[in-house]
Amino acid sequence: MALEEYPIGKAIINLVSAHRHVTTSKIAGIGLHAGQDLILLSLLEQDGQSQNALVKQLCVNHSAVAKSVSRMQKKGIVSTQKSEIDRRITLVFLTDSGRQLAQQAQAIWENVEQLAFKNLNAADRANFLRLIATVQQNFETNSEHDS
């Protein structure tokens, strides 16, 4: 089975792969592992989130978030504390160095966005985003029917 027989699937896979390659190489340049940047960006937007909230927002499994948070905590990028309301909940906070890294990650993501749309005009950008949203909705609608 050659992917050439499935041009939409191949295009999506190639796009995701290229985006991941560019982003992870830039993120590695500031000392982060893939995925840690997304946690930092989420905390930059709203500090003190629970690990479960990060799981839901980033659409990853709990062990991936817990492992990343643990690694970042050891590096002094984030700190954790138990919720005063519910001691079972672990809240994650940026440290000062974590906030600086999050801002660097944000700049990287902004750069990647600019790179992605480099040769596209405003109408092309809007159409691209609209088409991606339509394809995503098609997948989500289909998966709801399969459940």
N, C-alpha and C. Protein backbone atom coordinates (compact mmCIF):
# COMPACT_ATOMS: atom_id res chain seq x y z
N MET A 1 0.85 -1.18 0.00
CA MET A 1 0.00 0.00 0.00
C MET A 1 0.89 1.24 0.00
N ALA A 2 0.82 2.01 -1.04
CA ALA A 2 1.60 3.23 -1.14
C ALA A 2 0.74 4.41 -0.71
N LEU A 3 1.34 5.32 0.03
CA LEU A 3 0.59 6.49 0.48
C LEU A 3 0.16 7.38 -0.68
N GLU A 4 0.79 7.22 -1.82
CA GLU A 4 0.41 8.01 -2.99
C GLU A 4 -1.05 7.77 -3.38
N GLU A 5 -1.58 6.61 -3.00
CA GLU A 5 -2.98 6.29 -3.30
C GLU A 5 -3.94 7.09 -2.42
N TYR A 6 -3.39 7.72 -1.38
CA TYR A 6 -4.21 8.45 -0.41
C TYR A 6 -3.62 9.86 -0.26
N PRO A 7 -3.84 10.72 -1.26
CA PRO A 7 -3.16 12.02 -1.26
C PRO A 7 -3.51 12.93 -0.08
N ILE A 8 -4.74 12.87 0.40
CA ILE A 8 -5.10 13.72 1.55
C ILE A 8 -4.39 13.23 2.80
N GLY A 9 -4.44 11.93 3.04
CA GLY A 9 -3.74 11.37 4.20
C GLY A 9 -2.25 11.63 4.14
N LYS A 10 -1.68 11.45 2.96
CA LYS A 10 -0.25 11.69 2.80
C LYS A 10 0.09 13.15 3.06
N ALA A 11 -0.72 14.07 2.54
CA ALA A 11 -0.47 15.49 2.73
C ALA A 11 -0.55 15.87 4.21
N ILE A 12 -1.54 15.32 4.91
CA ILE A 12 -1.69 15.61 6.34
C ILE A 12 -0.50 15.08 7.12
N ILE A 13 -0.11 13.84 6.85
CA ILE A 13 1.04 13.24 7.53
C ILE A 13 2.31 14.04 7.26
N ASN A 14 2.53 14.42 6.00
CA ASN A 14 3.73 15.18 5.66
C ASN A 14 3.73 16.55 6.33
N LEU A 15 2.57 17.19 6.36
CA LEU A 15 2.47 18.51 6.99
C LEU A 15 2.76 18.42 8.49
N VAL A 16 2.14 17.46 9.16
CA VAL A 16 2.35 17.29 10.60
C VAL A 16 3.81 16.95 10.88
N SER A 17 4.38 16.08 10.07
CA SER A 17 5.78 15.69 10.25
C SER A 17 6.71 16.88 10.07
N ALA A 18 6.49 17.68 9.03
CA ALA A 18 7.34 18.85 8.79
C ALA A 18 7.20 19.87 9.91
N HIS A 19 5.97 20.10 10.37
CA HIS A 19 5.74 21.04 11.47
C HIS A 19 6.44 20.55 12.73
N ARG A 20 6.27 19.28 13.03
CA ARG A 20 6.89 18.70 14.23
C ARG A 20 8.41 18.82 14.16
N HIS A 21 8.98 18.54 12.99
CA HIS A 21 10.44 18.60 12.83
C HIS A 21 10.96 20.01 13.09
N VAL A 22 10.35 21.00 12.46
CA VAL A 22 10.79 22.39 12.63
C VAL A 22 10.62 22.83 14.08
N THR A 23 9.47 22.55 14.63
CA THR A 23 9.17 23.01 16.00
C THR A 23 10.07 22.33 17.02
N THR A 24 10.19 21.01 16.95
CA THR A 24 10.99 20.31 17.96
C THR A 24 12.47 20.67 17.87
N SER A 25 12.97 20.92 16.67
CA SER A 25 14.38 21.30 16.58
C SER A 25 14.60 22.68 17.20
N LYS A 26 13.66 23.59 17.00
CA LYS A 26 13.78 24.93 17.60
C LYS A 26 13.60 24.86 19.13
N ILE A 27 12.67 24.05 19.57
CA ILE A 27 12.40 23.89 21.00
C ILE A 27 13.61 23.24 21.69
N ALA A 28 14.21 22.27 21.03
CA ALA A 28 15.40 21.62 21.59
C ALA A 28 16.53 22.64 21.77
N GLY A 29 16.55 23.65 20.90
CA GLY A 29 17.56 24.68 20.99
C GLY A 29 17.51 25.51 22.26
N ILE A 30 16.37 25.50 22.94
CA ILE A 30 16.27 26.22 24.22
C ILE A 30 16.23 25.22 25.39
N GLY A 31 16.56 23.96 25.09
CA GLY A 31 16.70 22.96 26.16
C GLY A 31 15.43 22.26 26.58
N LEU A 32 14.40 22.29 25.74
CA LEU A 32 13.14 21.62 26.08
C LEU A 32 12.94 20.37 25.24
N HIS A 33 12.24 19.40 25.80
CA HIS A 33 11.82 18.22 25.06
C HIS A 33 10.49 18.52 24.39
N ALA A 34 10.21 17.77 23.33
CA ALA A 34 8.94 17.94 22.62
C ALA A 34 7.78 17.79 23.60
N GLY A 35 6.83 18.68 23.50
CA GLY A 35 5.65 18.64 24.36
C GLY A 35 5.77 19.54 25.57
N GLN A 36 7.00 19.72 26.07
CA GLN A 36 7.17 20.60 27.22
C GLN A 36 6.81 22.03 26.86
N ASP A 37 7.08 22.41 25.62
CA ASP A 37 6.75 23.75 25.17
C ASP A 37 5.25 24.01 25.27
N LEU A 38 4.45 22.99 24.93
CA LEU A 38 3.00 23.17 24.97
C LEU A 38 2.50 23.34 26.40
N ILE A 39 3.11 22.62 27.32
CA ILE A 39 2.75 22.77 28.74
C ILE A 39 3.10 24.19 29.19
N LEU A 40 4.29 24.65 28.82
CA LEU A 40 4.70 26.00 29.21
C LEU A 40 3.79 27.07 28.62
N LEU A 41 3.42 26.89 27.34
CA LEU A 41 2.52 27.86 26.71
C LEU A 41 1.16 27.88 27.40
N SER A 42 0.68 26.71 27.78
CA SER A 42 -0.60 26.64 28.49
C SER A 42 -0.51 27.32 29.85
N LEU A 43 0.60 27.10 30.54
CA LEU A 43 0.78 27.73 31.85
C LEU A 43 1.02 29.23 31.73
N LEU A 44 1.65 29.65 30.64
CA LEU A 44 1.85 31.09 30.40
C LEU A 44 0.50 31.78 30.25
N GLU A 45 -0.43 31.08 29.61
CA GLU A 45 -1.78 31.62 29.43
C GLU A 45 -2.56 31.61 30.74
N GLN A 46 -2.42 30.50 31.49
CA GLN A 46 -3.12 30.39 32.78
C GLN A 46 -2.26 29.57 33.72
N ASP A 47 -1.55 30.25 34.58
CA ASP A 47 -0.66 29.58 35.52
C ASP A 47 -1.48 28.90 36.61
N GLY A 48 -0.91 27.85 37.19
CA GLY A 48 -1.58 27.17 38.30
C GLY A 48 -2.66 26.19 37.87
N GLN A 49 -2.52 25.63 36.67
CA GLN A 49 -3.50 24.65 36.21
C GLN A 49 -3.22 23.29 36.85
N SER A 50 -4.27 22.49 36.93
CA SER A 50 -4.09 21.12 37.40
C SER A 50 -3.51 20.28 36.27
N GLN A 51 -2.88 19.18 36.65
CA GLN A 51 -2.36 18.27 35.62
C GLN A 51 -3.50 17.74 34.76
N ASN A 52 -4.65 17.48 35.36
CA ASN A 52 -5.79 17.00 34.57
C ASN A 52 -6.26 18.04 33.56
N ALA A 53 -6.23 19.31 33.92
CA ALA A 53 -6.60 20.37 32.98
C ALA A 53 -5.62 20.41 31.82
N LEU A 54 -4.34 20.22 32.11
CA LEU A 54 -3.32 20.19 31.05
C LEU A 54 -3.55 19.00 30.12
N VAL A 55 -3.90 17.86 30.69
CA VAL A 55 -4.19 16.66 29.89
C VAL A 55 -5.31 16.96 28.90
N LYS A 56 -6.39 17.54 29.39
CA LYS A 56 -7.54 17.84 28.54
C LYS A 56 -7.21 18.89 27.48
N GLN A 57 -6.52 19.93 27.90
CA GLN A 57 -6.21 21.02 26.97
C GLN A 57 -5.26 20.57 25.87
N LEU A 58 -4.29 19.73 26.21
CA LEU A 58 -3.26 19.33 25.25
C LEU A 58 -3.60 18.03 24.52
N CYS A 59 -4.69 17.39 24.91
CA CYS A 59 -5.14 16.14 24.28
C CYS A 59 -4.05 15.07 24.30
N VAL A 60 -3.46 14.89 25.47
CA VAL A 60 -2.45 13.84 25.68
C VAL A 60 -2.84 13.03 26.90
N ASN A 61 -2.15 11.92 27.12
CA ASN A 61 -2.51 11.10 28.28
C ASN A 61 -1.87 11.65 29.56
N HIS A 62 -2.42 11.23 30.67
CA HIS A 62 -2.00 11.75 31.96
C HIS A 62 -0.54 11.43 32.25
N SER A 63 -0.08 10.24 31.89
CA SER A 63 1.31 9.87 32.18
C SER A 63 2.29 10.75 31.43
N ALA A 64 1.94 11.17 30.22
CA ALA A 64 2.83 12.06 29.45
C ALA A 64 2.97 13.40 30.15
N VAL A 65 1.86 13.96 30.64
CA VAL A 65 1.92 15.23 31.35
C VAL A 65 2.67 15.06 32.66
N ALA A 66 2.36 14.01 33.41
CA ALA A 66 3.03 13.79 34.70
C ALA A 66 4.54 13.65 34.52
N LYS A 67 4.94 12.92 33.51
CA LYS A 67 6.38 12.71 33.24
C LYS A 67 7.05 14.04 32.86
N SER A 68 6.41 14.80 31.98
CA SER A 68 6.97 16.08 31.55
C SER A 68 7.04 17.06 32.72
N VAL A 69 5.99 17.12 33.52
CA VAL A 69 5.98 18.02 34.68
C VAL A 69 7.08 17.63 35.65
N SER A 70 7.25 16.34 35.87
CA SER A 70 8.30 15.87 36.77
C SER A 70 9.68 16.28 36.26
N ARG A 71 9.93 16.09 34.97
CA ARG A 71 11.22 16.49 34.39
C ARG A 71 11.43 18.00 34.51
N MET A 72 10.39 18.77 34.23
CA MET A 72 10.51 20.23 34.29
C MET A 72 10.68 20.71 35.72
N GLN A 73 10.07 20.00 36.65
CA GLN A 73 10.21 20.35 38.06
C GLN A 73 11.66 20.14 38.51
N LYS A 74 12.26 19.04 38.08
CA LYS A 74 13.66 18.75 38.43
C LYS A 74 14.60 19.80 37.86
N LYS A 75 14.24 20.40 36.72
CA LYS A 75 15.06 21.44 36.09
C LYS A 75 14.74 22.84 36.64
N GLY A 76 13.75 22.93 37.53
CA GLY A 76 13.40 24.22 38.10
C GLY A 76 12.57 25.09 37.17
N ILE A 77 11.90 24.47 36.20
CA ILE A 77 11.09 25.21 35.22
C ILE A 77 9.68 25.42 35.75
N VAL A 78 9.17 24.43 36.47
CA VAL A 78 7.84 24.52 37.08
C VAL A 78 7.93 24.07 38.53
N SER A 79 6.93 24.44 39.28
CA SER A 79 6.77 23.93 40.63
C SER A 79 5.35 23.37 40.74
N THR A 80 5.15 22.49 41.69
CA THR A 80 3.82 21.93 41.90
C THR A 80 3.42 22.10 43.35
N GLN A 81 2.13 22.12 43.56
CA GLN A 81 1.60 22.11 44.92
C GLN A 81 0.21 21.51 44.89
N LYS A 82 -0.17 20.95 46.00
CA LYS A 82 -1.51 20.37 46.12
C LYS A 82 -2.53 21.49 46.26
N SER A 83 -3.68 21.29 45.66
CA SER A 83 -4.77 22.24 45.75
C SER A 83 -5.24 22.34 47.20
N GLU A 84 -5.51 23.56 47.65
CA GLU A 84 -6.03 23.75 49.00
C GLU A 84 -7.47 23.28 49.09
N ILE A 85 -8.16 23.28 47.96
CA ILE A 85 -9.57 22.87 47.93
C ILE A 85 -9.70 21.35 47.91
N ASP A 86 -8.87 20.69 47.10
CA ASP A 86 -8.90 19.24 46.96
C ASP A 86 -7.47 18.73 46.91
N ARG A 87 -7.00 18.14 47.98
CA ARG A 87 -5.60 17.73 48.12
C ARG A 87 -5.20 16.65 47.10
N ARG A 88 -6.17 16.05 46.43
CA ARG A 88 -5.84 15.05 45.40
C ARG A 88 -5.36 15.69 44.11
N ILE A 89 -5.62 16.98 43.96
CA ILE A 89 -5.30 17.70 42.73
C ILE A 89 -3.94 18.38 42.86
N THR A 90 -3.09 18.13 41.86
CA THR A 90 -1.77 18.77 41.81
C THR A 90 -1.82 19.94 40.83
N LEU A 91 -1.47 21.10 41.31
CA LEU A 91 -1.44 22.31 40.49
C LEU A 91 0.00 22.56 40.03
N VAL A 92 0.13 23.07 38.80
CA VAL A 92 1.44 23.30 38.21
C VAL A 92 1.61 24.80 37.97
N PHE A 93 2.77 25.32 38.40
CA PHE A 93 3.07 26.74 38.28
C PHE A 93 4.41 26.95 37.60
N LEU A 94 4.52 28.01 36.84
CA LEU A 94 5.79 28.40 36.24
C LEU A 94 6.68 29.02 37.31
N THR A 95 7.96 28.70 37.27
CA THR A 95 8.94 29.42 38.07
C THR A 95 9.37 30.64 37.24
N ASP A 96 10.21 31.48 37.78
CA ASP A 96 10.69 32.62 37.01
C ASP A 96 11.43 32.16 35.76
N SER A 97 12.30 31.15 35.90
CA SER A 97 13.02 30.65 34.71
C SER A 97 12.06 29.95 33.76
N GLY A 98 11.03 29.32 34.31
CA GLY A 98 10.02 28.69 33.47
C GLY A 98 9.24 29.70 32.66
N ARG A 99 8.96 30.84 33.26
CA ARG A 99 8.24 31.91 32.56
C ARG A 99 9.11 32.43 31.41
N GLN A 100 10.40 32.58 31.64
CA GLN A 100 11.31 33.03 30.58
C GLN A 100 11.35 32.01 29.44
N LEU A 101 11.43 30.72 29.79
CA LEU A 101 11.41 29.67 28.76
C LEU A 101 10.08 29.65 28.01
N ALA A 102 8.99 29.85 28.73
CA ALA A 102 7.67 29.87 28.09
C ALA A 102 7.59 31.01 27.09
N GLN A 103 8.15 32.15 27.44
CA GLN A 103 8.16 33.29 26.51
C GLN A 103 9.02 33.00 25.29
N GLN A 104 10.14 32.29 25.49
CA GLN A 104 10.97 31.87 24.36
C GLN A 104 10.21 30.87 23.48
N ALA A 105 9.51 29.95 24.11
CA ALA A 105 8.71 28.97 23.36
C ALA A 105 7.61 29.68 22.57
N GLN A 106 7.01 30.67 23.17
CA GLN A 106 5.97 31.44 22.49
C GLN A 106 6.55 32.13 21.25
N ALA A 107 7.74 32.69 21.37
CA ALA A 107 8.40 33.33 20.23
C ALA A 107 8.70 32.31 19.13
N ILE A 108 9.10 31.11 19.53
CA ILE A 108 9.37 30.05 18.55
C ILE A 108 8.08 29.68 17.81
N TRP A 109 6.99 29.51 18.54
CA TRP A 109 5.73 29.17 17.90
C TRP A 109 5.25 30.28 16.97
N GLU A 110 5.45 31.51 17.36
CA GLU A 110 5.10 32.63 16.48
C GLU A 110 5.95 32.60 15.21
N ASN A 111 7.24 32.28 15.36
CA ASN A 111 8.13 32.17 14.21
C ASN A 111 7.71 31.04 13.29
N VAL A 112 7.33 29.90 13.86
CA VAL A 112 6.89 28.76 13.05
C VAL A 112 5.60 29.10 12.30
N GLU A 113 4.69 29.83 12.95
CA GLU A 113 3.47 30.28 12.28
C GLU A 113 3.81 31.16 11.08
N GLN A 114 4.74 32.10 11.28
CA GLN A 114 5.15 32.97 10.18
C GLN A 114 5.79 32.17 9.05
N LEU A 115 6.61 31.22 9.42
CA LEU A 115 7.26 30.36 8.43
C LEU A 115 6.22 29.57 7.63
N ALA A 116 5.23 29.03 8.32
CA ALA A 116 4.20 28.23 7.66
C ALA A 116 3.43 29.04 6.62
N PHE A 117 3.17 30.29 6.91
CA PHE A 117 2.35 31.13 6.04
C PHE A 117 3.18 32.08 5.18
N LYS A 118 4.47 31.82 5.11
CA LYS A 118 5.42 32.72 4.44
C LYS A 118 4.98 33.19 3.06
N ASN A 119 4.57 32.29 2.20
CA ASN A 119 4.24 32.66 0.82
C ASN A 119 2.73 32.64 0.55
N LEU A 120 1.95 32.82 1.60
CA LEU A 120 0.49 32.82 1.45
C LEU A 120 -0.05 34.20 1.78
N ASN A 121 -0.99 34.66 0.96
CA ASN A 121 -1.63 35.94 1.28
C ASN A 121 -2.74 35.70 2.31
N ALA A 122 -3.36 36.77 2.75
CA ALA A 122 -4.38 36.68 3.81
C ALA A 122 -5.54 35.77 3.41
N ALA A 123 -5.98 35.85 2.15
CA ALA A 123 -7.09 35.00 1.70
C ALA A 123 -6.68 33.53 1.70
N ASP A 124 -5.46 33.24 1.25
CA ASP A 124 -4.97 31.86 1.26
C ASP A 124 -4.89 31.32 2.69
N ARG A 125 -4.42 32.15 3.59
CA ARG A 125 -4.32 31.74 5.00
C ARG A 125 -5.70 31.40 5.56
N ALA A 126 -6.65 32.28 5.30
CA ALA A 126 -8.01 32.06 5.80
C ALA A 126 -8.62 30.80 5.20
N ASN A 127 -8.43 30.60 3.89
CA ASN A 127 -8.95 29.40 3.24
C ASN A 127 -8.30 28.14 3.79
N PHE A 128 -7.00 28.18 3.99
CA PHE A 128 -6.28 27.03 4.53
C PHE A 128 -6.84 26.64 5.89
N LEU A 129 -6.99 27.62 6.77
CA LEU A 129 -7.51 27.35 8.10
C LEU A 129 -8.96 26.85 8.06
N ARG A 130 -9.75 27.42 7.16
CA ARG A 130 -11.14 26.98 7.02
C ARG A 130 -11.19 25.53 6.54
N LEU A 131 -10.36 25.19 5.56
CA LEU A 131 -10.35 23.82 5.03
C LEU A 131 -9.87 22.82 6.07
N ILE A 132 -8.86 23.17 6.81
CA ILE A 132 -8.38 22.27 7.87
C ILE A 132 -9.48 22.05 8.91
N ALA A 133 -10.17 23.11 9.29
CA ALA A 133 -11.25 22.99 10.27
C ALA A 133 -12.36 22.09 9.74
N THR A 134 -12.65 22.18 8.45
CA THR A 134 -13.69 21.33 7.84
C THR A 134 -13.26 19.86 7.86
N VAL A 135 -12.01 19.59 7.49
CA VAL A 135 -11.52 18.20 7.51
C VAL A 135 -11.53 17.67 8.93
N GLN A 136 -11.09 18.47 9.89
CA GLN A 136 -11.11 18.04 11.29
C GLN A 136 -12.54 17.73 11.73
N GLN A 137 -13.48 18.59 11.38
CA GLN A 137 -14.88 18.37 11.74
C GLN A 137 -15.40 17.08 11.11
N ASN A 138 -15.01 16.81 9.87
CA ASN A 138 -15.41 15.57 9.21
C ASN A 138 -14.93 14.36 10.00
N PHE A 139 -13.67 14.41 10.44
CA PHE A 139 -13.13 13.31 11.23
C PHE A 139 -13.86 13.17 12.56
N GLU A 140 -14.08 14.29 13.23
CA GLU A 140 -14.74 14.25 14.55
C GLU A 140 -16.17 13.76 14.43
N THR A 141 -16.89 14.19 13.41
CA THR A 141 -18.26 13.74 13.21
C THR A 141 -18.30 12.24 12.95
N ASN A 142 -17.36 11.76 12.15
CA ASN A 142 -17.29 10.33 11.86
C ASN A 142 -16.96 9.53 13.12
N SER A 143 -16.04 10.02 13.94
CA SER A 143 -15.66 9.28 15.13
C SER A 143 -16.78 9.26 16.15
N GLU A 144 -17.62 10.29 16.16
CA GLU A 144 -18.78 10.30 17.07
C GLU A 144 -19.78 9.22 16.67
N HIS A 145 -19.90 8.99 15.36
CA HIS A 145 -20.84 7.96 14.88
C HIS A 145 -20.30 6.56 15.13
N ASP A 146 -18.96 6.42 15.19
CA ASP A 146 -18.35 5.11 15.42
C ASP A 146 -18.43 4.69 16.89
N SER A 147 -18.62 5.65 17.80
CA SER A 147 -18.61 5.34 19.22
C SER A 147 -19.80 4.53 19.64
